[in-house]
N, C-alpha and C. Protein backbone atom coordinates (compact mmCIF):
# COMPACT_ATOMS: atom_id res chain seq x y z
N UNK A 1 38.49 -305.26 55.89
CA UNK A 1 38.53 -306.69 55.73
C UNK A 1 37.37 -306.92 54.62
N UNK A 2 35.95 -306.58 54.74
CA UNK A 2 34.98 -306.83 53.70
C UNK A 2 35.38 -306.40 52.46
N UNK A 3 36.16 -305.16 52.21
CA UNK A 3 36.46 -304.83 51.04
C UNK A 3 37.54 -305.63 50.19
N UNK A 4 38.35 -306.26 50.99
CA UNK A 4 39.47 -307.13 50.40
C UNK A 4 38.52 -308.41 49.94
N UNK A 5 37.66 -308.90 50.73
CA UNK A 5 36.79 -310.15 50.20
C UNK A 5 36.02 -309.87 48.95
N UNK A 6 35.69 -308.70 48.85
CA UNK A 6 34.80 -308.17 47.80
C UNK A 6 35.65 -307.92 46.35
N UNK A 7 36.82 -307.66 46.73
CA UNK A 7 37.84 -307.24 45.63
C UNK A 7 38.24 -308.90 45.07
N UNK A 8 38.41 -309.84 45.85
CA UNK A 8 38.90 -311.26 45.72
C UNK A 8 37.59 -311.74 44.95
N UNK A 9 36.37 -311.66 45.27
CA UNK A 9 35.19 -312.23 44.65
C UNK A 9 35.27 -311.59 43.21
N UNK A 10 35.43 -310.27 42.99
CA UNK A 10 35.35 -309.73 41.71
C UNK A 10 36.26 -310.06 40.91
N UNK A 11 37.56 -310.59 41.43
CA UNK A 11 38.65 -311.18 40.80
C UNK A 11 38.42 -312.46 40.17
N UNK A 12 37.84 -313.30 40.96
CA UNK A 12 37.50 -314.58 40.78
C UNK A 12 36.44 -314.64 39.72
N UNK A 13 35.42 -313.92 39.68
CA UNK A 13 34.24 -313.60 38.76
C UNK A 13 34.84 -313.21 37.52
N UNK A 14 35.77 -312.17 37.45
CA UNK A 14 36.22 -311.55 36.10
C UNK A 14 37.05 -312.64 35.31
N UNK A 15 38.00 -313.43 36.24
CA UNK A 15 38.76 -314.54 35.59
C UNK A 15 38.05 -315.59 34.98
N UNK A 16 36.82 -315.81 35.72
CA UNK A 16 35.97 -317.01 35.09
C UNK A 16 35.23 -316.59 33.89
N UNK A 17 35.16 -315.29 33.57
CA UNK A 17 34.26 -314.97 32.53
C UNK A 17 35.24 -314.42 31.31
N UNK A 18 36.57 -314.87 31.30
CA UNK A 18 37.34 -314.41 30.20
C UNK A 18 37.09 -315.38 29.14
N UNK A 19 37.41 -314.40 27.77
CA UNK A 19 37.14 -315.36 26.53
C UNK A 19 38.08 -316.15 26.39
N UNK A 20 38.02 -317.11 25.43
CA UNK A 20 38.71 -318.36 25.06
C UNK A 20 40.19 -318.03 24.74
N UNK A 21 41.04 -318.70 24.97
CA UNK A 21 42.55 -318.30 24.52
C UNK A 21 42.75 -318.66 23.17
N UNK A 22 43.95 -318.25 22.72
CA UNK A 22 44.27 -318.42 21.32
C UNK A 22 44.21 -319.94 20.83
N UNK A 23 44.61 -320.79 21.58
CA UNK A 23 44.71 -322.40 21.41
C UNK A 23 43.23 -322.75 21.35
N UNK A 24 42.27 -322.37 22.32
CA UNK A 24 40.84 -322.63 22.18
C UNK A 24 40.18 -322.32 20.85
N UNK A 25 40.64 -320.83 20.49
CA UNK A 25 39.95 -320.30 19.35
C UNK A 25 40.49 -321.16 17.97
N UNK A 26 41.72 -321.54 17.93
CA UNK A 26 42.21 -322.27 16.88
C UNK A 26 41.69 -323.89 16.74
N UNK A 27 41.47 -324.37 17.98
CA UNK A 27 40.88 -325.66 18.13
C UNK A 27 39.23 -325.42 17.44
N UNK A 28 38.53 -324.53 17.96
CA UNK A 28 37.02 -324.44 17.36
C UNK A 28 37.13 -324.11 15.95
N UNK A 29 38.02 -323.18 15.36
CA UNK A 29 38.07 -323.19 14.00
C UNK A 29 38.36 -324.15 13.23
N UNK A 30 39.31 -325.03 13.67
CA UNK A 30 39.63 -326.23 12.70
C UNK A 30 38.28 -327.34 12.77
N UNK A 31 37.53 -327.06 13.90
CA UNK A 31 36.32 -328.05 13.93
C UNK A 31 35.14 -327.59 13.16
N UNK A 32 35.41 -326.53 12.60
CA UNK A 32 34.17 -325.87 11.57
C UNK A 32 34.08 -326.89 10.42
N UNK A 33 32.85 -326.84 9.92
CA UNK A 33 32.41 -327.66 8.78
C UNK A 33 32.94 -326.95 7.65
N UNK A 34 33.52 -327.34 6.75
CA UNK A 34 33.75 -326.96 5.33
C UNK A 34 32.73 -326.46 4.57
N UNK A 35 32.85 -325.40 3.79
CA UNK A 35 31.74 -324.70 3.20
C UNK A 35 30.86 -325.79 2.14
N UNK A 36 31.43 -326.60 1.47
CA UNK A 36 30.54 -327.47 0.55
C UNK A 36 30.68 -328.79 1.22
N UNK A 37 30.64 -329.13 2.46
CA UNK A 37 30.54 -330.23 3.31
C UNK A 37 29.63 -331.19 2.90
N UNK A 38 30.13 -332.54 2.55
CA UNK A 38 29.32 -333.57 2.18
C UNK A 38 28.38 -334.09 3.49
N UNK A 39 29.03 -333.83 4.74
CA UNK A 39 28.44 -333.99 5.91
C UNK A 39 27.10 -333.25 6.13
N UNK A 40 27.12 -332.09 5.84
CA UNK A 40 26.12 -330.94 5.72
C UNK A 40 24.87 -331.41 4.59
N UNK A 41 25.53 -331.72 3.62
CA UNK A 41 24.50 -332.04 2.38
C UNK A 41 23.86 -333.45 2.62
N UNK A 42 24.57 -334.25 3.35
CA UNK A 42 23.73 -335.64 3.54
C UNK A 42 22.85 -335.58 4.79
N UNK A 43 22.80 -334.50 5.58
CA UNK A 43 22.07 -334.25 6.68
C UNK A 43 20.78 -333.84 6.20
N UNK A 44 19.61 -334.07 6.91
CA UNK A 44 18.21 -333.67 6.53
C UNK A 44 17.69 -332.80 7.56
N UNK A 45 17.68 -331.48 7.32
CA UNK A 45 16.78 -330.45 8.08
C UNK A 45 15.62 -331.04 8.47
N UNK A 46 15.12 -330.76 9.86
CA UNK A 46 13.64 -331.12 10.14
C UNK A 46 12.81 -330.30 9.55
N UNK A 47 11.62 -330.83 9.88
CA UNK A 47 10.53 -330.06 8.98
C UNK A 47 10.15 -328.79 9.54
N UNK A 48 10.76 -328.33 10.55
CA UNK A 48 10.60 -326.90 11.14
C UNK A 48 11.80 -326.10 10.79
N UNK A 49 12.72 -326.52 9.85
CA UNK A 49 13.82 -325.92 9.78
C UNK A 49 13.25 -324.58 8.73
N UNK A 50 14.19 -323.59 8.77
CA UNK A 50 13.85 -322.39 7.72
C UNK A 50 13.98 -322.67 6.43
N UNK A 51 13.12 -322.09 5.38
CA UNK A 51 13.20 -322.30 4.17
C UNK A 51 14.35 -321.61 3.62
N UNK A 52 14.96 -322.27 2.53
CA UNK A 52 16.06 -321.51 1.76
C UNK A 52 15.64 -321.20 0.45
N UNK A 53 16.40 -320.42 -0.29
CA UNK A 53 16.21 -320.07 -1.72
C UNK A 53 16.24 -321.40 -2.45
N UNK A 54 16.87 -322.31 -2.05
CA UNK A 54 17.06 -323.53 -2.91
C UNK A 54 15.77 -324.34 -3.04
N UNK A 55 15.11 -324.61 -1.69
CA UNK A 55 14.04 -325.34 -1.68
C UNK A 55 12.91 -324.59 -2.18
N UNK A 56 12.96 -323.20 -2.05
CA UNK A 56 11.87 -322.62 -2.74
C UNK A 56 11.69 -322.70 -4.14
N UNK A 57 13.03 -322.63 -4.80
CA UNK A 57 13.03 -322.82 -6.06
C UNK A 57 12.35 -324.28 -6.64
N UNK A 58 12.70 -325.29 -5.67
CA UNK A 58 12.14 -326.73 -5.91
C UNK A 58 10.59 -326.70 -5.82
N UNK A 59 10.27 -325.85 -4.82
CA UNK A 59 8.74 -325.87 -4.48
C UNK A 59 8.03 -325.21 -5.70
N UNK A 60 8.46 -324.09 -6.22
CA UNK A 60 8.04 -323.55 -7.40
C UNK A 60 8.04 -324.59 -8.72
N UNK A 61 9.08 -325.22 -8.61
CA UNK A 61 9.14 -326.15 -9.79
C UNK A 61 7.89 -327.19 -9.71
N UNK A 62 7.83 -327.85 -8.46
CA UNK A 62 7.11 -328.77 -8.47
C UNK A 62 5.47 -328.68 -8.11
N UNK A 63 5.19 -327.25 -7.78
CA UNK A 63 3.93 -326.84 -7.38
C UNK A 63 3.21 -325.86 -8.45
N UNK A 64 3.98 -325.11 -8.97
CA UNK A 64 3.66 -324.16 -9.98
C UNK A 64 3.86 -324.53 -11.59
N UNK A 65 4.72 -325.44 -11.69
CA UNK A 65 5.20 -325.88 -13.10
C UNK A 65 4.96 -327.28 -13.39
N UNK A 66 4.42 -328.14 -12.46
CA UNK A 66 4.82 -329.59 -12.82
C UNK A 66 3.86 -329.82 -13.76
N UNK A 67 2.64 -329.45 -13.86
CA UNK A 67 1.60 -330.29 -14.77
C UNK A 67 1.42 -329.23 -16.31
N UNK A 68 1.13 -327.77 -15.77
CA UNK A 68 0.97 -326.96 -16.82
C UNK A 68 2.17 -326.51 -17.63
N UNK A 69 3.15 -326.32 -16.98
CA UNK A 69 4.35 -325.58 -17.55
C UNK A 69 5.58 -326.57 -17.08
N UNK A 70 5.48 -327.72 -17.31
CA UNK A 70 6.82 -328.75 -17.18
C UNK A 70 7.89 -328.61 -17.78
N UNK A 71 9.08 -328.11 -17.52
CA UNK A 71 10.26 -327.90 -18.15
C UNK A 71 10.47 -328.89 -19.17
N UNK A 72 10.31 -330.16 -18.88
CA UNK A 72 10.50 -331.32 -19.82
C UNK A 72 9.48 -331.22 -21.14
N UNK A 73 8.48 -330.50 -20.94
CA UNK A 73 7.40 -330.83 -22.14
C UNK A 73 7.29 -329.32 -22.74
N UNK A 74 8.21 -328.31 -22.42
CA UNK A 74 8.03 -326.92 -22.99
C UNK A 74 8.84 -327.06 -24.34
N UNK A 75 8.25 -326.12 -25.34
CA UNK A 75 8.83 -325.89 -26.52
C UNK A 75 9.71 -324.68 -26.52
N UNK A 76 9.85 -323.94 -25.40
CA UNK A 76 10.75 -322.85 -25.06
C UNK A 76 11.76 -323.05 -23.91
N UNK A 77 12.91 -322.79 -24.27
CA UNK A 77 13.92 -323.29 -23.33
C UNK A 77 14.01 -322.24 -22.05
N UNK A 78 13.27 -321.15 -21.93
CA UNK A 78 13.46 -320.15 -20.86
C UNK A 78 12.97 -321.10 -19.74
N UNK A 79 12.09 -321.80 -19.75
CA UNK A 79 11.44 -322.59 -18.46
C UNK A 79 12.65 -323.46 -18.00
N UNK A 80 13.22 -324.07 -18.83
CA UNK A 80 14.48 -325.15 -18.54
C UNK A 80 15.45 -324.29 -17.80
N UNK A 81 15.94 -323.36 -18.32
CA UNK A 81 16.97 -322.42 -17.91
C UNK A 81 16.62 -321.67 -16.41
N UNK A 82 15.49 -321.62 -16.15
CA UNK A 82 15.04 -320.88 -14.95
C UNK A 82 15.34 -321.97 -13.75
N UNK A 83 15.11 -323.30 -14.00
CA UNK A 83 15.22 -324.14 -12.88
C UNK A 83 16.57 -325.08 -13.04
N UNK A 84 17.41 -325.15 -14.23
CA UNK A 84 18.45 -326.07 -14.26
C UNK A 84 19.54 -325.47 -14.54
N UNK A 85 20.79 -325.99 -13.96
CA UNK A 85 22.00 -325.42 -14.15
C UNK A 85 22.38 -325.64 -15.71
N UNK A 86 23.15 -324.67 -16.24
CA UNK A 86 23.55 -324.82 -17.91
C UNK A 86 23.82 -326.14 -18.20
N UNK A 87 24.81 -326.92 -17.72
CA UNK A 87 24.90 -328.33 -18.37
C UNK A 87 23.82 -329.25 -18.31
N UNK A 88 22.93 -329.15 -17.29
CA UNK A 88 21.76 -329.92 -17.16
C UNK A 88 20.80 -329.45 -18.23
N UNK A 89 20.72 -328.24 -18.25
CA UNK A 89 19.75 -327.76 -19.09
C UNK A 89 19.79 -327.95 -20.61
N UNK A 90 21.44 -328.08 -20.95
CA UNK A 90 21.55 -328.42 -22.35
C UNK A 90 21.25 -330.10 -22.59
N UNK A 91 21.47 -330.93 -21.57
CA UNK A 91 21.12 -332.18 -21.76
C UNK A 91 19.52 -332.14 -22.08
N UNK A 92 18.88 -331.47 -21.21
CA UNK A 92 17.37 -331.69 -21.24
C UNK A 92 16.84 -331.14 -22.63
N UNK A 93 17.38 -330.01 -23.01
CA UNK A 93 16.91 -329.66 -24.32
C UNK A 93 17.19 -330.38 -25.42
N UNK A 94 18.63 -330.84 -25.56
CA UNK A 94 19.03 -331.96 -26.43
C UNK A 94 18.01 -333.07 -26.52
N UNK A 95 17.66 -333.61 -25.32
CA UNK A 95 16.94 -334.85 -25.07
C UNK A 95 15.40 -334.85 -25.46
N UNK A 96 15.09 -333.68 -25.28
CA UNK A 96 13.51 -333.42 -25.46
C UNK A 96 13.09 -332.88 -26.80
N UNK A 97 14.12 -332.27 -27.45
CA UNK A 97 13.93 -331.63 -28.65
C UNK A 97 14.84 -332.17 -29.77
N UNK A 98 15.64 -333.02 -29.60
CA UNK A 98 16.56 -333.58 -30.66
C UNK A 98 15.91 -334.88 -30.96
N UNK A 99 16.62 -335.73 -31.78
CA UNK A 99 16.22 -337.14 -32.16
C UNK A 99 16.74 -338.05 -31.41
N UNK A 100 15.86 -339.03 -31.05
CA UNK A 100 16.40 -340.25 -30.40
C UNK A 100 16.69 -340.08 -28.76
N UNK A 101 15.76 -339.18 -28.05
CA UNK A 101 15.84 -338.75 -26.82
C UNK A 101 15.50 -339.99 -25.93
N UNK A 102 16.00 -340.31 -24.87
CA UNK A 102 15.49 -341.43 -24.05
C UNK A 102 14.67 -341.12 -23.08
N UNK A 103 14.38 -339.73 -22.80
CA UNK A 103 13.17 -339.48 -21.91
C UNK A 103 12.02 -339.35 -22.73
N UNK A 104 10.66 -339.87 -22.01
CA UNK A 104 9.55 -339.80 -22.85
C UNK A 104 8.59 -338.93 -21.97
N UNK A 105 8.59 -337.63 -21.85
CA UNK A 105 8.16 -336.84 -20.99
C UNK A 105 6.60 -336.82 -21.09
N UNK A 106 5.97 -337.59 -22.24
CA UNK A 106 4.50 -337.47 -22.32
C UNK A 106 3.91 -338.58 -21.65
N UNK A 107 4.69 -339.65 -21.34
CA UNK A 107 4.20 -340.76 -20.50
C UNK A 107 4.63 -340.79 -19.20
N UNK A 108 5.88 -340.37 -18.96
CA UNK A 108 6.59 -340.66 -17.82
C UNK A 108 6.88 -338.73 -17.45
N UNK A 109 6.51 -338.55 -16.16
CA UNK A 109 6.88 -337.24 -15.90
C UNK A 109 8.40 -337.16 -15.23
N UNK A 110 9.38 -336.65 -15.82
CA UNK A 110 10.73 -336.69 -15.36
C UNK A 110 10.98 -336.18 -14.10
N UNK A 111 10.02 -335.24 -13.63
CA UNK A 111 10.22 -334.66 -12.23
C UNK A 111 9.90 -335.69 -11.15
N UNK A 112 9.28 -336.86 -11.52
CA UNK A 112 8.92 -337.95 -10.73
C UNK A 112 9.78 -339.16 -10.95
N UNK A 113 10.03 -339.28 -12.32
CA UNK A 113 10.31 -340.40 -13.01
C UNK A 113 8.95 -341.64 -12.82
N UNK A 114 7.89 -341.10 -12.93
CA UNK A 114 6.71 -342.05 -13.06
C UNK A 114 5.58 -341.00 -13.71
N UNK A 115 4.58 -341.81 -14.28
CA UNK A 115 3.50 -341.17 -14.98
C UNK A 115 2.81 -340.37 -14.01
N UNK A 116 2.17 -339.18 -14.55
CA UNK A 116 1.50 -338.03 -13.76
C UNK A 116 0.28 -338.66 -12.85
N UNK A 117 -0.45 -339.44 -13.61
CA UNK A 117 -1.63 -340.01 -12.82
C UNK A 117 -1.25 -341.02 -11.71
N UNK A 118 -0.06 -341.39 -11.39
CA UNK A 118 0.22 -342.28 -10.24
C UNK A 118 0.62 -341.43 -9.15
N UNK A 119 0.94 -340.17 -9.20
CA UNK A 119 1.75 -339.17 -8.30
C UNK A 119 0.44 -338.58 -7.35
N UNK A 120 0.65 -338.74 -6.07
CA UNK A 120 -0.10 -337.87 -5.25
C UNK A 120 0.74 -337.39 -4.07
N UNK A 121 0.06 -336.52 -3.19
CA UNK A 121 0.64 -336.07 -2.12
C UNK A 121 2.40 -335.64 -2.04
N UNK A 122 2.60 -334.65 -2.76
CA UNK A 122 4.07 -334.33 -3.08
C UNK A 122 4.30 -332.99 -1.87
N UNK A 123 5.44 -333.28 -1.18
CA UNK A 123 6.06 -332.47 -0.28
C UNK A 123 7.50 -332.23 -0.77
N UNK A 124 7.82 -331.01 -0.42
CA UNK A 124 9.27 -330.51 -0.65
C UNK A 124 9.82 -329.97 0.65
N UNK A 125 10.59 -330.71 1.20
CA UNK A 125 11.35 -330.60 2.20
C UNK A 125 12.30 -329.51 2.61
N UNK A 126 12.41 -329.03 3.53
CA UNK A 126 13.43 -327.84 3.60
C UNK A 126 15.00 -328.40 3.10
N UNK A 127 15.70 -327.54 2.57
CA UNK A 127 17.06 -327.96 2.07
C UNK A 127 18.21 -327.77 2.93
N UNK A 128 19.14 -328.55 2.47
CA UNK A 128 20.44 -328.69 3.38
C UNK A 128 21.32 -327.67 2.61
N UNK A 129 21.87 -326.82 2.95
CA UNK A 129 22.88 -325.84 2.14
C UNK A 129 24.16 -325.82 2.81
N UNK A 130 25.13 -326.07 1.98
CA UNK A 130 26.72 -325.89 2.58
C UNK A 130 27.34 -325.21 1.53
N UNK A 131 27.71 -324.00 1.55
CA UNK A 131 28.23 -323.16 0.65
C UNK A 131 27.58 -322.94 -0.51
N UNK A 132 28.11 -323.42 -1.69
CA UNK A 132 27.42 -323.01 -3.05
C UNK A 132 26.79 -324.44 -3.46
N UNK A 133 26.46 -325.30 -2.57
CA UNK A 133 25.74 -326.66 -2.90
C UNK A 133 24.74 -326.72 -2.00
N UNK A 134 23.43 -327.27 -2.55
CA UNK A 134 22.39 -327.71 -1.70
C UNK A 134 21.78 -329.00 -2.27
N UNK A 135 21.04 -329.51 -1.17
CA UNK A 135 20.35 -330.71 -1.49
C UNK A 135 18.84 -330.48 -1.02
N UNK A 136 17.92 -330.94 -1.71
CA UNK A 136 16.48 -330.85 -1.26
C UNK A 136 15.82 -332.23 -1.74
N UNK A 137 15.16 -332.73 -0.58
CA UNK A 137 14.56 -333.99 -0.88
C UNK A 137 12.92 -333.59 -1.19
N UNK A 138 12.51 -334.25 -2.18
CA UNK A 138 10.94 -334.25 -2.60
C UNK A 138 10.36 -335.46 -2.28
N UNK A 139 9.53 -335.48 -1.38
CA UNK A 139 8.82 -336.85 -1.14
C UNK A 139 7.14 -337.00 -1.77
N UNK A 140 6.97 -338.01 -2.29
CA UNK A 140 5.67 -338.18 -2.91
C UNK A 140 5.16 -339.51 -2.86
N UNK A 141 3.81 -339.74 -3.02
CA UNK A 141 3.47 -341.10 -3.30
C UNK A 141 3.14 -341.55 -4.75
N UNK A 142 3.59 -342.71 -5.05
CA UNK A 142 3.66 -343.24 -6.36
C UNK A 142 2.82 -344.49 -6.25
N UNK A 143 1.49 -344.53 -6.84
CA UNK A 143 0.60 -345.46 -6.80
C UNK A 143 0.53 -345.95 -5.26
N UNK A 144 0.35 -345.09 -4.30
CA UNK A 144 -0.12 -345.02 -2.88
C UNK A 144 1.28 -345.66 -2.01
N UNK A 145 2.45 -345.71 -2.75
CA UNK A 145 3.62 -346.05 -1.97
C UNK A 145 4.51 -344.88 -1.79
N UNK A 146 5.16 -344.66 -0.65
CA UNK A 146 5.76 -343.29 -0.48
C UNK A 146 7.18 -343.48 -1.15
N UNK A 147 7.80 -342.38 -2.05
CA UNK A 147 8.91 -342.61 -2.44
C UNK A 147 9.64 -341.26 -2.23
N UNK A 148 10.96 -340.97 -2.61
CA UNK A 148 11.61 -339.81 -2.32
C UNK A 148 12.53 -339.54 -3.53
N UNK A 149 12.74 -338.23 -3.80
CA UNK A 149 13.93 -337.87 -5.02
C UNK A 149 14.75 -336.75 -4.29
N UNK A 150 16.14 -337.07 -4.52
CA UNK A 150 17.10 -336.30 -3.94
C UNK A 150 17.34 -335.26 -5.19
N UNK A 151 17.32 -334.12 -4.98
CA UNK A 151 17.57 -333.08 -5.91
C UNK A 151 18.94 -332.22 -5.51
N UNK A 152 19.98 -332.25 -6.37
CA UNK A 152 21.31 -331.67 -6.03
C UNK A 152 21.21 -330.34 -6.72
N UNK A 153 21.70 -329.38 -6.31
CA UNK A 153 21.69 -328.08 -6.68
C UNK A 153 23.03 -327.23 -6.51
N UNK A 154 23.10 -326.27 -7.38
CA UNK A 154 24.62 -325.45 -7.33
C UNK A 154 24.15 -324.01 -7.38
N UNK A 155 24.70 -323.19 -6.68
CA UNK A 155 24.60 -322.01 -6.84
C UNK A 155 25.29 -321.25 -7.97
N UNK A 156 24.70 -320.37 -8.72
CA UNK A 156 25.40 -320.05 -9.69
C UNK A 156 25.47 -318.56 -9.70
N UNK A 157 25.58 -317.75 -11.01
CA UNK A 157 25.92 -316.33 -10.80
C UNK A 157 24.79 -315.64 -10.14
N UNK A 158 25.04 -314.80 -9.67
CA UNK A 158 24.10 -313.79 -8.96
C UNK A 158 23.41 -314.59 -7.58
N UNK A 159 24.13 -315.55 -7.20
CA UNK A 159 23.53 -316.34 -6.18
C UNK A 159 22.40 -317.09 -6.50
N UNK A 160 21.90 -317.36 -7.52
CA UNK A 160 20.71 -318.08 -7.91
C UNK A 160 20.91 -319.80 -7.83
N UNK A 161 20.06 -320.26 -7.30
CA UNK A 161 20.29 -321.68 -7.22
C UNK A 161 19.76 -322.25 -8.50
N UNK A 162 20.37 -323.42 -8.87
CA UNK A 162 19.81 -324.22 -10.27
C UNK A 162 20.13 -325.69 -9.85
N UNK A 163 19.18 -326.51 -10.42
CA UNK A 163 19.19 -327.97 -10.14
C UNK A 163 20.35 -328.66 -11.17
N UNK A 164 21.27 -329.40 -10.54
CA UNK A 164 22.31 -329.96 -11.25
C UNK A 164 21.95 -331.52 -11.67
N UNK A 165 21.37 -332.29 -10.73
CA UNK A 165 20.88 -333.65 -10.86
C UNK A 165 19.71 -334.04 -10.04
N UNK A 166 19.16 -334.97 -10.25
CA UNK A 166 18.02 -335.52 -9.55
C UNK A 166 18.37 -337.14 -9.56
N UNK A 167 18.41 -337.65 -8.16
CA UNK A 167 18.55 -338.83 -8.01
C UNK A 167 17.15 -339.56 -7.51
N UNK A 168 16.57 -340.65 -8.39
CA UNK A 168 15.32 -341.08 -8.32
C UNK A 168 15.38 -342.39 -7.43
N UNK A 169 14.04 -342.72 -6.99
CA UNK A 169 14.02 -343.90 -5.98
C UNK A 169 14.61 -345.29 -6.45
N UNK A 170 14.67 -345.22 -7.84
CA UNK A 170 15.21 -346.56 -8.38
C UNK A 170 16.70 -346.55 -8.46
N UNK A 171 17.27 -345.69 -8.08
CA UNK A 171 18.68 -345.10 -8.25
C UNK A 171 19.35 -344.60 -9.14
N UNK A 172 18.36 -344.39 -10.26
CA UNK A 172 18.97 -343.84 -11.40
C UNK A 172 19.04 -342.07 -11.27
N UNK A 173 20.01 -341.70 -12.06
CA UNK A 173 20.05 -340.21 -12.10
C UNK A 173 19.56 -339.42 -13.35
N UNK A 174 19.12 -338.39 -13.46
CA UNK A 174 18.54 -337.48 -14.27
C UNK A 174 19.57 -337.53 -15.34
N UNK A 175 20.74 -336.90 -15.05
CA UNK A 175 21.67 -336.80 -16.05
C UNK A 175 22.24 -338.13 -16.83
N UNK A 176 22.30 -339.23 -16.05
CA UNK A 176 22.31 -340.60 -16.58
C UNK A 176 21.43 -340.88 -17.71
N UNK A 177 20.07 -340.70 -17.43
CA UNK A 177 19.01 -340.89 -18.26
C UNK A 177 18.96 -340.17 -19.50
N UNK A 178 19.63 -338.91 -19.41
CA UNK A 178 19.55 -337.85 -20.42
C UNK A 178 20.81 -338.02 -21.49
N UNK A 179 21.83 -338.85 -21.06
CA UNK A 179 22.94 -338.98 -21.82
C UNK A 179 23.02 -340.29 -22.86
């Protein structure tokens, strides 16, 4: 008698531990987030979120190259191509090295859309990555007022991230200002 109870108990435990049925698996798969999901890109990872290659590129741009080697102030296109996707890099190059450019990188730093001397306390937040797209937010103080820039990125050849556009606090986009 004790053996039959033990067998029944084992049978119940084994049935309760079974994996999902085919219907449950397909329901779970259909609820998965698409690769380049707007939902993921519009969500903000917390400050403790792991760093990604996308936000590390933005950190390098803002902390290593902001004042000394700003891509908008360079005479060499290499630095522009290191951070910006080809269509955006072409616009930057034409605007800053052509005639009649709308940006004035000598008085306003296009990385912030504000004068250099007004910017303090810059933070690059962890990026939200969805497939081949990413969004990174840069927070800073402009004349002691907190502001934020949304940096949109695309993964290009060899898995490298490049900036495709920047949305400034005043609602303007970098690509609109360059055209």
